[in-house]
């Protein structure tokens, strides 16, 4: 599994290990505004397929340069002149990558900046938490390009903001940014002072201190349960809760709570 997190085996992703099993994964094609070509998608699949088993406890997902990701590499797509069958399989690899991210059980905190456009938004929507700065902007310009989404916008983006808002974005090229983007659900945090990376790193460092099995349940089971009927989800939640809530590693944390030595949950207005 060492190859999964060996930075030397990646060309389009810059990967660095930090403390506590935290990794920073950076899209590293700044001259292309980090557009997603076939090779980058394959590297995302490789990393996120083996991340949990390799001991990765949390990931900050970022983009090199001024932009997070401008979406599908349209130049590569145009030059390849793919058949419908060929491009369908390209889309399926995108789904493979983003499903490995959403359902893989490793918390992914996306540090967004600049363009989060088209496939870049589809990529960002596969992360579990998204942080933006005031200059971050979201768009789905496929309608103006004469193409259609192929990496999950109809699933994840519509889930975040609603079907008709997503349709409006594709039809009209509407752009969202700032607090409006947060209010719509495109991101959960906006950082007014400084960049989004520091906040994303702070959050990732915090969640990396959770028990891995607990994080796995949060970052995998919740998505699965949202695909189920209410009755099936209730059964699955009870099953997962039975396993996670009785894990041996949790006993010390539960004991600290029982002994009143654990950190208390306080309102934001109170100091700890």
C-alpha atoms as a PDB file:
ATOM      1  CA  UNK A   1       0.000   0.000   0.000  1.00  0.00           C
ATOM      2  CA  UNK A   2       3.036   2.292   0.249  1.00  0.00           C
ATOM      3  CA  UNK A   3       2.702   3.257  -3.405  1.00  0.00           C
ATOM      4  CA  UNK A   4      -0.725   4.789  -2.672  1.00  0.00           C
ATOM      5  CA  UNK A   5       0.791   7.676  -0.721  1.00  0.00           C
ATOM      6  CA  UNK A   6       4.267   7.840  -2.270  1.00  0.00           C
ATOM      7  CA  UNK A   7       4.447  11.371  -3.751  1.00  0.00           C
ATOM      8  CA  UNK A   8       7.073  10.304  -6.284  1.00  0.00           C
ATOM      9  CA  UNK A   9       4.559   8.069  -8.068  1.00  0.00           C
ATOM     10  CA  UNK A  10       2.222  10.958  -8.914  1.00  0.00           C
ATOM     11  CA  UNK A  11       2.622  13.542 -11.666  1.00  0.00           C
ATOM     12  CA  UNK A  12      -0.592  15.598 -11.581  1.00  0.00           C
ATOM     13  CA  UNK A  13      -1.185  15.470  -7.843  1.00  0.00           C
ATOM     14  CA  UNK A  14       1.239  16.925  -5.312  1.00  0.00           C
ATOM     15  CA  UNK A  15       0.921  14.871  -2.130  1.00  0.00           C
ATOM     16  CA  UNK A  16       2.447  15.676   1.239  1.00  0.00           C
ATOM     17  CA  UNK A  17       2.076  13.974   4.592  1.00  0.00           C
ATOM     18  CA  UNK A  18       1.628  16.128   7.683  1.00  0.00           C
ATOM     19  CA  UNK A  19       1.129  15.190  11.341  1.00  0.00           C
ATOM     20  CA  UNK A  20      -1.533  12.826  12.695  1.00  0.00           C
ATOM     21  CA  UNK A  21      -2.093  10.995   9.412  1.00  0.00           C
ATOM     22  CA  UNK A  22      -3.220  14.198   7.686  1.00  0.00           C
ATOM     23  CA  UNK A  23      -2.382  14.504   3.994  1.00  0.00           C
ATOM     24  CA  UNK A  24      -2.532  17.471   1.642  1.00  0.00           C
ATOM     25  CA  UNK A  25      -3.502  16.475  -1.901  1.00  0.00           C
ATOM     26  CA  UNK A  26      -3.044  19.308  -4.397  1.00  0.00           C
ATOM     27  CA  UNK A  27      -4.175  19.385  -8.014  1.00  0.00           C
ATOM     28  CA  UNK A  28      -0.923  20.364  -9.673  1.00  0.00           C
ATOM     29  CA  UNK A  29      -1.658  21.624 -13.179  1.00  0.00           C
ATOM     30  CA  UNK A  30      -1.788  25.376 -12.510  1.00  0.00           C
ATOM     31  CA  UNK A  31      -1.040  26.318 -16.137  1.00  0.00           C
ATOM     32  CA  UNK A  32      -4.303  24.542 -17.040  1.00  0.00           C
ATOM     33  CA  UNK A  33      -6.169  25.979 -14.047  1.00  0.00           C
ATOM     34  CA  UNK A  34      -5.998  22.403 -12.720  1.00  0.00           C
ATOM     35  CA  UNK A  35      -8.339  21.110 -15.414  1.00  0.00           C
ATOM     36  CA  UNK A  36      -9.047  17.407 -15.040  1.00  0.00           C
ATOM     37  CA  UNK A  37      -7.529  15.216 -17.715  1.00  0.00           C
ATOM     38  CA  UNK A  38      -7.658  11.423 -17.844  1.00  0.00           C
ATOM     39  CA  UNK A  39      -4.320  11.050 -16.052  1.00  0.00           C
ATOM     40  CA  UNK A  40      -5.410  13.217 -13.098  1.00  0.00           C
ATOM     41  CA  UNK A  41      -8.622  11.250 -12.666  1.00  0.00           C
ATOM     42  CA  UNK A  42      -6.633   8.000 -12.593  1.00  0.00           C
ATOM     43  CA  UNK A  43      -4.345   9.422  -9.908  1.00  0.00           C
ATOM     44  CA  UNK A  44      -7.356  10.452  -7.817  1.00  0.00           C
ATOM     45  CA  UNK A  45      -8.738   6.924  -8.113  1.00  0.00           C
ATOM     46  CA  UNK A  46      -5.427   5.397  -7.037  1.00  0.00           C
ATOM     47  CA  UNK A  47      -4.961   7.649  -4.038  1.00  0.00           C
ATOM     48  CA  UNK A  48      -8.478   7.529  -2.662  1.00  0.00           C
ATOM     49  CA  UNK A  49      -8.931   3.796  -3.346  1.00  0.00           C
ATOM     50  CA  UNK A  50      -6.190   2.942  -0.864  1.00  0.00           C
ATOM     51  CA  UNK A  51      -6.065   5.982   1.406  1.00  0.00           C
ATOM     52  CA  UNK A  52      -7.880   4.526   4.415  1.00  0.00           C
ATOM     53  CA  UNK A  53      -5.959   1.252   4.390  1.00  0.00           C
ATOM     54  CA  UNK A  54      -2.716   3.220   4.074  1.00  0.00           C
ATOM     55  CA  UNK A  55      -3.454   5.051   7.329  1.00  0.00           C
ATOM     56  CA  UNK A  56      -4.654   8.365   5.900  1.00  0.00           C
ATOM     57  CA  UNK A  57      -6.855   9.942   8.582  1.00  0.00           C
ATOM     58  CA  UNK A  58      -7.914  13.147   6.811  1.00  0.00           C
ATOM     59  CA  UNK A  59      -7.209  14.972   3.554  1.00  0.00           C
ATOM     60  CA  UNK A  60      -7.019  18.621   2.601  1.00  0.00           C
ATOM     61  CA  UNK A  61      -7.852  18.813  -1.105  1.00  0.00           C
ATOM     62  CA  UNK A  62      -6.464  21.950  -2.754  1.00  0.00           C
ATOM     63  CA  UNK A  63      -5.410  23.408  -6.096  1.00  0.00           C
ATOM     64  CA  UNK A  64      -2.049  24.857  -7.090  1.00  0.00           C
ATOM     65  CA  UNK A  65      -1.988  28.410  -8.412  1.00  0.00           C
ATOM     66  CA  UNK A  66      -4.908  30.808  -8.407  1.00  0.00           C
ATOM     67  CA  UNK A  67      -7.730  28.341  -9.032  1.00  0.00           C
ATOM     68  CA  UNK A  68      -9.031  25.144  -7.521  1.00  0.00           C
ATOM     69  CA  UNK A  69     -10.212  23.480 -10.733  1.00  0.00           C
ATOM     70  CA  UNK A  70     -11.653  24.715 -14.038  1.00  0.00           C
ATOM     71  CA  UNK A  71     -13.288  21.369 -14.808  1.00  0.00           C
ATOM     72  CA  UNK A  72     -12.885  18.957 -17.695  1.00  0.00           C
ATOM     73  CA  UNK A  73      -9.744  19.488 -19.766  1.00  0.00           C
ATOM     74  CA  UNK A  74     -11.647  20.660 -22.838  1.00  0.00           C
ATOM     75  CA  UNK A  75      -8.524  20.822 -24.994  1.00  0.00           C
ATOM     76  CA  UNK A  76      -7.734  17.167 -24.310  1.00  0.00           C
ATOM     77  CA  UNK A  77     -11.373  16.269 -24.941  1.00  0.00           C
ATOM     78  CA  UNK A  78     -11.442  18.176 -28.236  1.00  0.00           C
ATOM     79  CA  UNK A  79      -8.155  16.710 -29.434  1.00  0.00           C
ATOM     80  CA  UNK A  80      -9.170  13.155 -28.521  1.00  0.00           C
ATOM     81  CA  UNK A  81     -12.340  13.427 -30.647  1.00  0.00           C
ATOM     82  CA  UNK A  82     -13.858  10.574 -28.659  1.00  0.00           C
ATOM     83  CA  UNK A  83     -16.729   8.348 -29.685  1.00  0.00           C
ATOM     84  CA  UNK A  84     -19.849   8.266 -27.480  1.00  0.00           C
ATOM     85  CA  UNK A  85     -18.725   4.923 -26.061  1.00  0.00           C
ATOM     86  CA  UNK A  86     -15.239   6.228 -25.294  1.00  0.00           C
ATOM     87  CA  UNK A  87     -16.510   9.314 -23.498  1.00  0.00           C
ATOM     88  CA  UNK A  88     -19.086   7.305 -21.548  1.00  0.00           C
ATOM     89  CA  UNK A  89     -16.196   5.310 -20.099  1.00  0.00           C
ATOM     90  CA  UNK A  90     -14.305   8.521 -19.319  1.00  0.00           C
ATOM     91  CA  UNK A  91     -17.354   9.646 -17.333  1.00  0.00           C
ATOM     92  CA  UNK A  92     -17.508   6.314 -15.524  1.00  0.00           C
ATOM     93  CA  UNK A  93     -13.908   6.801 -14.375  1.00  0.00           C
ATOM     94  CA  UNK A  94     -14.839  10.228 -13.035  1.00  0.00           C
ATOM     95  CA  UNK A  95     -17.660   8.590 -11.091  1.00  0.00           C
ATOM     96  CA  UNK A  96     -15.229   5.970  -9.818  1.00  0.00           C
ATOM     97  CA  UNK A  97     -12.886   8.682  -8.522  1.00  0.00           C
ATOM     98  CA  UNK A  98     -15.583  10.776  -6.886  1.00  0.00           C
ATOM     99  CA  UNK A  99     -17.341   7.768  -5.367  1.00  0.00           C
ATOM    100  CA  UNK A 100     -14.037   6.658  -3.834  1.00  0.00           C
ATOM    101  CA  UNK A 101     -13.828  10.110  -2.289  1.00  0.00           C
ATOM    102  CA  UNK A 102     -17.382  10.432  -0.984  1.00  0.00           C
ATOM    103  CA  UNK A 103     -17.808   6.836   0.191  1.00  0.00           C
ATOM    104  CA  UNK A 104     -14.202   5.960   1.060  1.00  0.00           C
ATOM    105  CA  UNK A 105     -14.498   6.800   4.730  1.00  0.00           C
ATOM    106  CA  UNK A 106     -11.613   9.322   4.906  1.00  0.00           C
ATOM    107  CA  UNK A 107     -12.705  12.898   5.702  1.00  0.00           C
ATOM    108  CA  UNK A 108     -11.906  15.259   2.817  1.00  0.00           C
ATOM    109  CA  UNK A 109     -11.839  18.996   3.439  1.00  0.00           C
ATOM    110  CA  UNK A 110     -11.679  21.003   0.198  1.00  0.00           C
ATOM    111  CA  UNK A 111      -9.825  24.324   0.253  1.00  0.00           C
ATOM    112  CA  UNK A 112     -11.456  26.175  -2.624  1.00  0.00           C
ATOM    113  CA  UNK A 113     -10.283  29.319  -4.401  1.00  0.00           C
ATOM    114  CA  UNK A 114     -10.754  30.988  -7.739  1.00  0.00           C
ATOM    115  CA  UNK A 115     -12.607  28.861 -10.266  1.00  0.00           C
ATOM    116  CA  UNK A 116     -14.641  25.903  -9.064  1.00  0.00           C
ATOM    117  CA  UNK A 117     -16.250  25.342 -12.420  1.00  0.00           C
ATOM    118  CA  UNK A 118     -17.921  22.452 -14.245  1.00  0.00           C
ATOM    119  CA  UNK A 119     -16.071  19.278 -13.359  1.00  0.00           C
ATOM    120  CA  UNK A 120     -14.225  21.246 -10.705  1.00  0.00           C
ATOM    121  CA  UNK A 121     -17.508  21.724  -8.888  1.00  0.00           C
ATOM    122  CA  UNK A 122     -18.281  18.029  -9.354  1.00  0.00           C
ATOM    123  CA  UNK A 123     -14.921  17.228  -7.766  1.00  0.00           C
ATOM    124  CA  UNK A 124     -15.499  19.658  -4.897  1.00  0.00           C
ATOM    125  CA  UNK A 125     -18.952  18.223  -4.273  1.00  0.00           C
ATOM    126  CA  UNK A 126     -17.372  14.806  -3.596  1.00  0.00           C
ATOM    127  CA  UNK A 127     -15.528  16.296  -0.595  1.00  0.00           C
ATOM    128  CA  UNK A 128     -17.238  16.205   2.789  1.00  0.00           C
ATOM    129  CA  UNK A 129     -16.536  19.814   3.801  1.00  0.00           C
ATOM    130  CA  UNK A 130     -15.849  22.801   1.553  1.00  0.00           C
ATOM    131  CA  UNK A 131     -14.146  26.066   2.552  1.00  0.00           C
ATOM    132  CA  UNK A 132     -14.068  29.142   0.311  1.00  0.00           C
ATOM    133  CA  UNK A 133     -12.695  32.666   0.342  1.00  0.00           C
ATOM    134  CA  UNK A 134     -14.556  35.681  -1.083  1.00  0.00           C
ATOM    135  CA  UNK A 135     -12.881  35.256  -4.487  1.00  0.00           C
ATOM    136  CA  UNK A 136     -14.057  31.670  -4.977  1.00  0.00           C
ATOM    137  CA  UNK A 137     -16.715  31.309  -7.655  1.00  0.00           C
ATOM    138  CA  UNK A 138     -18.897  28.386  -8.719  1.00  0.00           C
ATOM    139  CA  UNK A 139     -20.373  27.744 -12.162  1.00  0.00           C
ATOM    140  CA  UNK A 140     -21.636  24.981 -14.445  1.00  0.00           C
ATOM    141  CA  UNK A 141     -20.976  26.388 -17.944  1.00  0.00           C
ATOM    142  CA  UNK A 142     -21.708  23.152 -19.798  1.00  0.00           C
ATOM    143  CA  UNK A 143     -24.746  24.650 -21.530  1.00  0.00           C
ATOM    144  CA  UNK A 144     -22.638  27.348 -23.173  1.00  0.00           C
ATOM    145  CA  UNK A 145     -19.967  24.791 -24.168  1.00  0.00           C
ATOM    146  CA  UNK A 146     -22.470  22.557 -25.939  1.00  0.00           C
ATOM    147  CA  UNK A 147     -21.859  19.675 -23.528  1.00  0.00           C
ATOM    148  CA  UNK A 148     -23.494  18.049 -20.505  1.00  0.00           C
ATOM    149  CA  UNK A 149     -22.317  17.172 -17.029  1.00  0.00           C
ATOM    150  CA  UNK A 150     -20.643  13.793 -16.683  1.00  0.00           C
ATOM    151  CA  UNK A 151     -19.063  13.689 -13.221  1.00  0.00           C
ATOM    152  CA  UNK A 152     -22.015  13.709 -10.863  1.00  0.00           C
ATOM    153  CA  UNK A 153     -23.421  17.251 -10.883  1.00  0.00           C
ATOM    154  CA  UNK A 154     -26.898  15.855 -11.433  1.00  0.00           C
ATOM    155  CA  UNK A 155     -26.411  13.848  -8.237  1.00  0.00           C
ATOM    156  CA  UNK A 156     -24.267  15.809  -5.797  1.00  0.00           C
ATOM    157  CA  UNK A 157     -24.687  19.442  -6.862  1.00  0.00           C
ATOM    158  CA  UNK A 158     -28.450  19.069  -7.149  1.00  0.00           C
ATOM    159  CA  UNK A 159     -28.409  17.470  -3.693  1.00  0.00           C
ATOM    160  CA  UNK A 160     -26.511  20.469  -2.307  1.00  0.00           C
ATOM    161  CA  UNK A 161     -28.537  23.288  -3.845  1.00  0.00           C
ATOM    162  CA  UNK A 162     -31.672  21.717  -5.332  1.00  0.00           C
ATOM    163  CA  UNK A 163     -32.528  20.423  -8.780  1.00  0.00           C
ATOM    164  CA  UNK A 164     -33.848  23.638 -10.271  1.00  0.00           C
ATOM    165  CA  UNK A 165     -30.970  25.816  -9.090  1.00  0.00           C
ATOM    166  CA  UNK A 166     -28.575  23.325 -10.661  1.00  0.00           C
ATOM    167  CA  UNK A 167     -30.550  23.361 -13.912  1.00  0.00           C
ATOM    168  CA  UNK A 168     -30.468  27.165 -13.865  1.00  0.00           C
ATOM    169  CA  UNK A 169     -26.674  27.105 -13.425  1.00  0.00           C
ATOM    170  CA  UNK A 170     -26.237  24.823 -16.443  1.00  0.00           C
ATOM    171  CA  UNK A 171     -28.753  26.608 -18.665  1.00  0.00           C
ATOM    172  CA  UNK A 172     -27.679  30.164 -17.990  1.00  0.00           C
ATOM    173  CA  UNK A 173     -24.082  29.890 -16.797  1.00  0.00           C
ATOM    174  CA  UNK A 174     -25.068  31.591 -13.535  1.00  0.00           C
ATOM    175  CA  UNK A 175     -22.149  32.199 -11.165  1.00  0.00           C
ATOM    176  CA  UNK A 176     -22.334  32.043  -7.369  1.00  0.00           C
ATOM    177  CA  UNK A 177     -19.740  33.244  -4.905  1.00  0.00           C
ATOM    178  CA  UNK A 178     -19.259  34.623  -1.407  1.00  0.00           C
ATOM    179  CA  UNK A 179     -21.859  34.294   1.310  1.00  0.00           C
ATOM    180  CA  UNK A 180     -24.557  33.543  -1.262  1.00  0.00           C
ATOM    181  CA  UNK A 181     -22.694  30.369  -2.228  1.00  0.00           C
ATOM    182  CA  UNK A 182     -22.497  29.315   1.421  1.00  0.00           C
ATOM    183  CA  UNK A 183     -26.163  30.072   2.014  1.00  0.00           C
ATOM    184  CA  UNK A 184     -27.094  27.907  -0.990  1.00  0.00           C
ATOM    185  CA  UNK A 185     -25.037  24.981   0.302  1.00  0.00           C
ATOM    186  CA  UNK A 186     -22.144  25.040  -2.172  1.00  0.00           C
ATOM    187  CA  UNK A 187     -19.750  25.416   0.778  1.00  0.00           C
ATOM    188  CA  UNK A 188     -19.992  25.266   4.557  1.00  0.00           C
ATOM    189  CA  UNK A 189     -17.359  27.872   5.500  1.00  0.00           C
ATOM    190  CA  UNK A 190     -16.199  31.201   4.127  1.00  0.00           C
ATOM    191  CA  UNK A 191     -12.964  32.786   5.307  1.00  0.00           C
ATOM    192  CA  UNK A 192     -13.034  36.558   5.005  1.00  0.00           C
ATOM    193  CA  UNK A 193      -9.439  37.152   6.092  1.00  0.00           C
ATOM    194  CA  UNK A 194      -6.727  35.029   4.520  1.00  0.00           C
ATOM    195  CA  UNK A 195      -7.064  32.053   2.254  1.00  0.00           C
ATOM    196  CA  UNK A 196      -9.263  28.998   2.507  1.00  0.00           C
ATOM    197  CA  UNK A 197      -6.340  26.603   2.944  1.00  0.00           C
ATOM    198  CA  UNK A 198      -5.548  27.499   6.557  1.00  0.00           C
ATOM    199  CA  UNK A 199      -9.148  26.999   7.642  1.00  0.00           C
ATOM    200  CA  UNK A 200      -9.413  23.740   5.715  1.00  0.00           C
ATOM    201  CA  UNK A 201      -6.188  22.535   7.326  1.00  0.00           C
ATOM    202  CA  UNK A 202      -7.453  23.497  10.780  1.00  0.00           C
ATOM    203  CA  UNK A 203     -10.647  21.502  10.222  1.00  0.00           C
ATOM    204  CA  UNK A 204      -8.801  18.499   8.777  1.00  0.00           C
ATOM    205  CA  UNK A 205      -6.374  18.468  11.702  1.00  0.00           C
ATOM    206  CA  UNK A 206      -9.318  18.477  14.099  1.00  0.00           C
ATOM    207  CA  UNK A 207     -11.213  15.636  12.434  1.00  0.00           C
ATOM    208  CA  UNK A 208      -8.012  13.580  12.065  1.00  0.00           C
ATOM    209  CA  UNK A 209      -8.044  13.299  15.862  1.00  0.00           C
ATOM    210  CA  UNK A 210     -11.377  11.453  15.774  1.00  0.00           C
ATOM    211  CA  UNK A 211     -11.314   7.671  15.904  1.00  0.00           C
ATOM    212  CA  UNK A 212     -10.815   6.265  12.366  1.00  0.00           C
ATOM    213  CA  UNK A 213     -13.830   3.942  12.598  1.00  0.00           C
ATOM    214  CA  UNK A 214     -16.033   6.829  13.668  1.00  0.00           C
ATOM    215  CA  UNK A 215     -14.814   8.946  10.757  1.00  0.00           C
ATOM    216  CA  UNK A 216     -15.326   6.022   8.399  1.00  0.00           C
ATOM    217  CA  UNK A 217     -18.964   5.760   9.469  1.00  0.00           C
ATOM    218  CA  UNK A 218     -19.559   9.504   9.176  1.00  0.00           C
ATOM    219  CA  UNK A 219     -17.900   9.808   5.766  1.00  0.00           C
ATOM    220  CA  UNK A 220     -19.310   6.639   4.261  1.00  0.00           C
ATOM    221  CA  UNK A 221     -22.456   5.423   5.994  1.00  0.00           C
ATOM    222  CA  UNK A 222     -24.275   8.774   5.890  1.00  0.00           C
ATOM    223  CA  UNK A 223     -24.020   8.920   2.099  1.00  0.00           C
ATOM    224  CA  UNK A 224     -25.108   5.314   1.735  1.00  0.00           C
ATOM    225  CA  UNK A 225     -28.073   5.872   4.049  1.00  0.00           C
ATOM    226  CA  UNK A 226     -29.223   8.852   2.041  1.00  0.00           C
ATOM    227  CA  UNK A 227     -29.548   6.513  -0.945  1.00  0.00           C
ATOM    228  CA  UNK A 228     -31.868   4.169   0.970  1.00  0.00           C
ATOM    229  CA  UNK A 229     -35.518   4.183   1.874  1.00  0.00           C
ATOM    230  CA  UNK A 230     -36.339   5.525   5.320  1.00  0.00           C
ATOM    231  CA  UNK A 231     -36.897   2.045   6.751  1.00  0.00           C
ATOM    232  CA  UNK A 232     -33.685   0.670   5.292  1.00  0.00           C
ATOM    233  CA  UNK A 233     -31.696   3.697   6.452  1.00  0.00           C
ATOM    234  CA  UNK A 234     -33.032   3.333  10.002  1.00  0.00           C
ATOM    235  CA  UNK A 235     -31.962  -0.321  10.074  1.00  0.00           C
ATOM    236  CA  UNK A 236     -28.532   0.491   8.610  1.00  0.00           C
ATOM    237  CA  UNK A 237     -28.029   3.337  11.085  1.00  0.00           C
ATOM    238  CA  UNK A 238     -28.794   1.026  14.005  1.00  0.00           C
ATOM    239  CA  UNK A 239     -26.392  -1.581  12.621  1.00  0.00           C
ATOM    240  CA  UNK A 240     -23.550   0.903  12.102  1.00  0.00           C
ATOM    241  CA  UNK A 241     -24.261   2.535  15.476  1.00  0.00           C
ATOM    242  CA  UNK A 242     -24.047  -0.859  17.152  1.00  0.00           C
ATOM    243  CA  UNK A 243     -20.551  -1.385  15.776  1.00  0.00           C
ATOM    244  CA  UNK A 244     -19.137   2.123  16.127  1.00  0.00           C
ATOM    245  CA  UNK A 245     -20.620   2.934  19.531  1.00  0.00           C
ATOM    246  CA  UNK A 246     -19.163  -0.186  21.132  1.00  0.00           C
ATOM    247  CA  UNK A 247     -15.674  -0.038  19.618  1.00  0.00           C
ATOM    248  CA  UNK A 248     -12.972  -0.626  22.261  1.00  0.00           C
ATOM    249  CA  UNK A 249     -11.069   2.546  21.322  1.00  0.00           C
ATOM    250  CA  UNK A 250     -14.084   4.639  22.299  1.00  0.00           C
ATOM    251  CA  UNK A 251     -14.122   3.500  25.925  1.00  0.00           C
ATOM    252  CA  UNK A 252     -11.416   5.904  27.090  1.00  0.00           C
ATOM    253  CA  UNK A 253     -13.292   8.821  25.543  1.00  0.00           C
ATOM    254  CA  UNK A 254     -16.560   7.713  27.099  1.00  0.00           C
ATOM    255  CA  UNK A 255     -14.827   7.303  30.450  1.00  0.00           C
ATOM    256  CA  UNK A 256     -13.479  10.870  30.206  1.00  0.00           C
ATOM    257  CA  UNK A 257     -17.035  12.082  29.578  1.00  0.00           C
ATOM    258  CA  UNK A 258     -18.373  10.072  32.522  1.00  0.00           C
ATOM    259  CA  UNK A 259     -15.632  11.468  34.783  1.00  0.00           C
ATOM    260  CA  UNK A 260     -16.278  15.026  33.547  1.00  0.00           C
ATOM    261  CA  UNK A 261     -12.711  15.369  32.244  1.00  0.00           C
ATOM    262  CA  UNK A 262     -13.668  15.551  28.578  1.00  0.00           C
ATOM    263  CA  UNK A 263     -13.971  18.877  26.783  1.00  0.00           C
ATOM    264  CA  UNK A 264     -17.449  20.319  27.128  1.00  0.00           C
ATOM    265  CA  UNK A 265     -19.643  21.429  24.251  1.00  0.00           C
ATOM    266  CA  UNK A 266     -20.206  25.150  24.674  1.00  0.00           C
ATOM    267  CA  UNK A 267     -22.004  27.880  22.737  1.00  0.00           C
ATOM    268  CA  UNK A 268     -19.815  29.764  20.305  1.00  0.00           C
ATOM    269  CA  UNK A 269     -19.996  32.859  22.492  1.00  0.00           C
ATOM    270  CA  UNK A 270     -18.289  31.091  25.408  1.00  0.00           C
ATOM    271  CA  UNK A 271     -14.610  30.412  25.723  1.00  0.00           C
ATOM    272  CA  UNK A 272     -13.381  26.878  26.361  1.00  0.00           C
END
